[in-house]
Amino acid sequence: MKTEHGKIEGDVEITSALKMHGMFTGNVTVKEGGYLVLHGMATKSLYVETGAEVEILGMVSGDVINNGGKLSITGSISGQVVEQAGETTIAQVASIG
C-alpha cells in the first residue's frame, strides 16, 4: 500500500491502495479496485464507487457519497453521508455534520 504525507491538488481518482496522511484539495473518487485509508483531510467531497473500499479515520469537509462500495467512518465528516448503495459503517465515535 502506498503512503502519502503531502498535499494532492485538484480532483483525484484512486484505483489502487493508498494510505493518506496529508490533504486532498479537490473531490476524491475511489474507483473499483481502489482502497483508501484517510488519516488526513479531504477538503471537498468523497465518492465511493462500486467495488471500492474506504476507511475514514481523518476528516472530510464535504459530503461522503457511497455509490456501492464499502465505507467505514471513524473520523469527522462536515457534510452529509449519503448511502446510494453498498455498505456503510459509522462508528459511535465518528462526528457527522
Protein backbone atom coordinates (compact mmCIF):
# COMPACT_ATOMS: atom_id res chain seq x y z
CA MET A 1 0.00 0.00 0.00
CA LYS A 2 1.39 3.41 -0.98
CA THR A 3 1.55 6.07 1.76
CA GLU A 4 1.25 9.80 1.01
CA HIS A 5 2.09 12.57 3.51
CA GLY A 6 1.87 15.63 1.25
CA LYS A 7 -0.86 17.59 -0.48
CA ILE A 8 -2.61 16.34 -3.64
CA GLU A 9 -4.11 19.29 -5.55
CA GLY A 10 -7.35 19.13 -7.56
CA ASP A 11 -9.82 16.32 -8.18
CA VAL A 12 -8.36 12.81 -7.96
CA GLU A 13 -9.42 9.24 -8.82
CA ILE A 14 -7.98 6.39 -6.76
CA THR A 15 -7.73 2.96 -8.39
CA SER A 16 -5.16 1.25 -6.13
CA ALA A 17 -4.34 1.09 -2.40
CA LEU A 18 -3.44 4.42 -0.77
CA LYS A 19 -2.92 5.47 2.85
CA MET A 20 -3.30 9.28 3.00
CA HIS A 21 -1.83 11.22 5.93
CA GLY A 22 -1.81 14.52 4.03
CA MET A 23 -4.51 16.54 2.27
CA PHE A 24 -6.68 16.26 -0.84
CA THR A 25 -7.74 19.74 -2.07
CA GLY A 26 -10.34 18.55 -4.61
CA ASN A 27 -13.07 15.93 -4.87
CA VAL A 28 -11.88 12.36 -4.30
CA THR A 29 -13.40 9.42 -6.19
CA VAL A 30 -12.36 5.91 -5.18
CA LYS A 31 -12.98 3.64 -8.17
CA GLU A 32 -13.47 -0.14 -8.42
CA GLY A 33 -10.40 -1.88 -7.04
CA GLY A 34 -9.35 1.23 -5.10
CA TYR A 35 -8.70 1.20 -1.38
CA LEU A 36 -8.26 4.43 0.58
CA VAL A 37 -7.34 4.81 4.24
CA LEU A 38 -7.77 8.50 5.03
CA HIS A 39 -5.84 9.62 8.12
CA GLY A 40 -5.53 13.18 6.82
CA MET A 41 -8.08 15.51 5.28
CA ALA A 42 -10.21 15.84 2.15
CA THR A 43 -11.36 19.46 1.68
CA LYS A 44 -14.23 18.63 -0.72
CA SER A 45 -16.49 15.61 -1.28
CA LEU A 46 -15.50 11.94 -1.33
CA TYR A 47 -17.20 9.38 -3.61
CA VAL A 48 -17.03 5.61 -3.09
CA GLU A 49 -17.81 3.66 -6.28
CA THR A 50 -18.88 0.01 -6.65
CA GLY A 51 -16.02 -2.34 -5.78
CA ALA A 52 -14.08 0.30 -3.81
CA GLU A 53 -13.25 0.37 -0.10
CA VAL A 54 -12.70 3.47 2.06
CA GLU A 55 -11.78 3.91 5.73
CA ILE A 56 -12.15 7.48 7.02
CA LEU A 57 -10.11 7.98 10.16
CA GLY A 58 -9.40 11.66 9.48
CA MET A 59 -11.65 14.43 8.20
CA VAL A 60 -13.80 15.17 5.13
CA SER A 61 -15.02 18.77 4.78
CA GLY A 62 -17.63 17.96 2.12
CA ASP A 63 -20.12 15.15 1.65
CA VAL A 64 -19.33 11.44 1.55
CA ILE A 65 -21.35 9.55 -1.08
CA ASN A 66 -21.34 5.74 -1.17
CA ASN A 67 -22.37 4.56 -4.65
CA GLY A 68 -21.87 0.85 -3.99
CA GLY A 69 -18.58 0.34 -2.16
CA LYS A 70 -17.59 -0.49 1.38
CA LEU A 71 -17.32 2.60 3.60
CA SER A 72 -16.18 2.81 7.21
CA ILE A 73 -16.27 6.13 9.10
CA THR A 74 -14.46 6.63 12.39
CA GLY A 75 -13.36 10.23 11.82
CA SER A 76 -15.14 13.51 11.15
CA ILE A 77 -17.45 14.48 8.26
CA SER A 78 -18.53 18.15 7.98
CA GLY A 79 -21.13 17.47 5.28
CA GLN A 80 -23.64 14.67 4.83
CA VAL A 81 -23.16 10.92 4.48
CA VAL A 82 -25.27 9.64 1.57
CA GLU A 83 -25.64 5.89 1.00
CA GLN A 84 -26.91 5.27 -2.53
CA ALA A 85 -25.78 1.63 -2.42
CA GLY A 86 -23.11 -0.51 -0.80
CA GLU A 87 -22.24 -0.95 2.85
CA THR A 88 -21.67 1.98 5.21
CA THR A 89 -20.49 1.62 8.81
CA ILE A 90 -20.38 4.66 11.09
CA ALA A 91 -18.58 4.24 14.43
CA GLN A 92 -20.11 5.74 17.59
CA VAL A 93 -17.03 7.97 17.96
CA ALA A 94 -17.49 9.44 14.45
CA SER A 95 -18.61 13.05 14.04
CA ILE A 96 -21.08 13.76 11.21
CA GLY A 97 -22.40 17.19 10.21
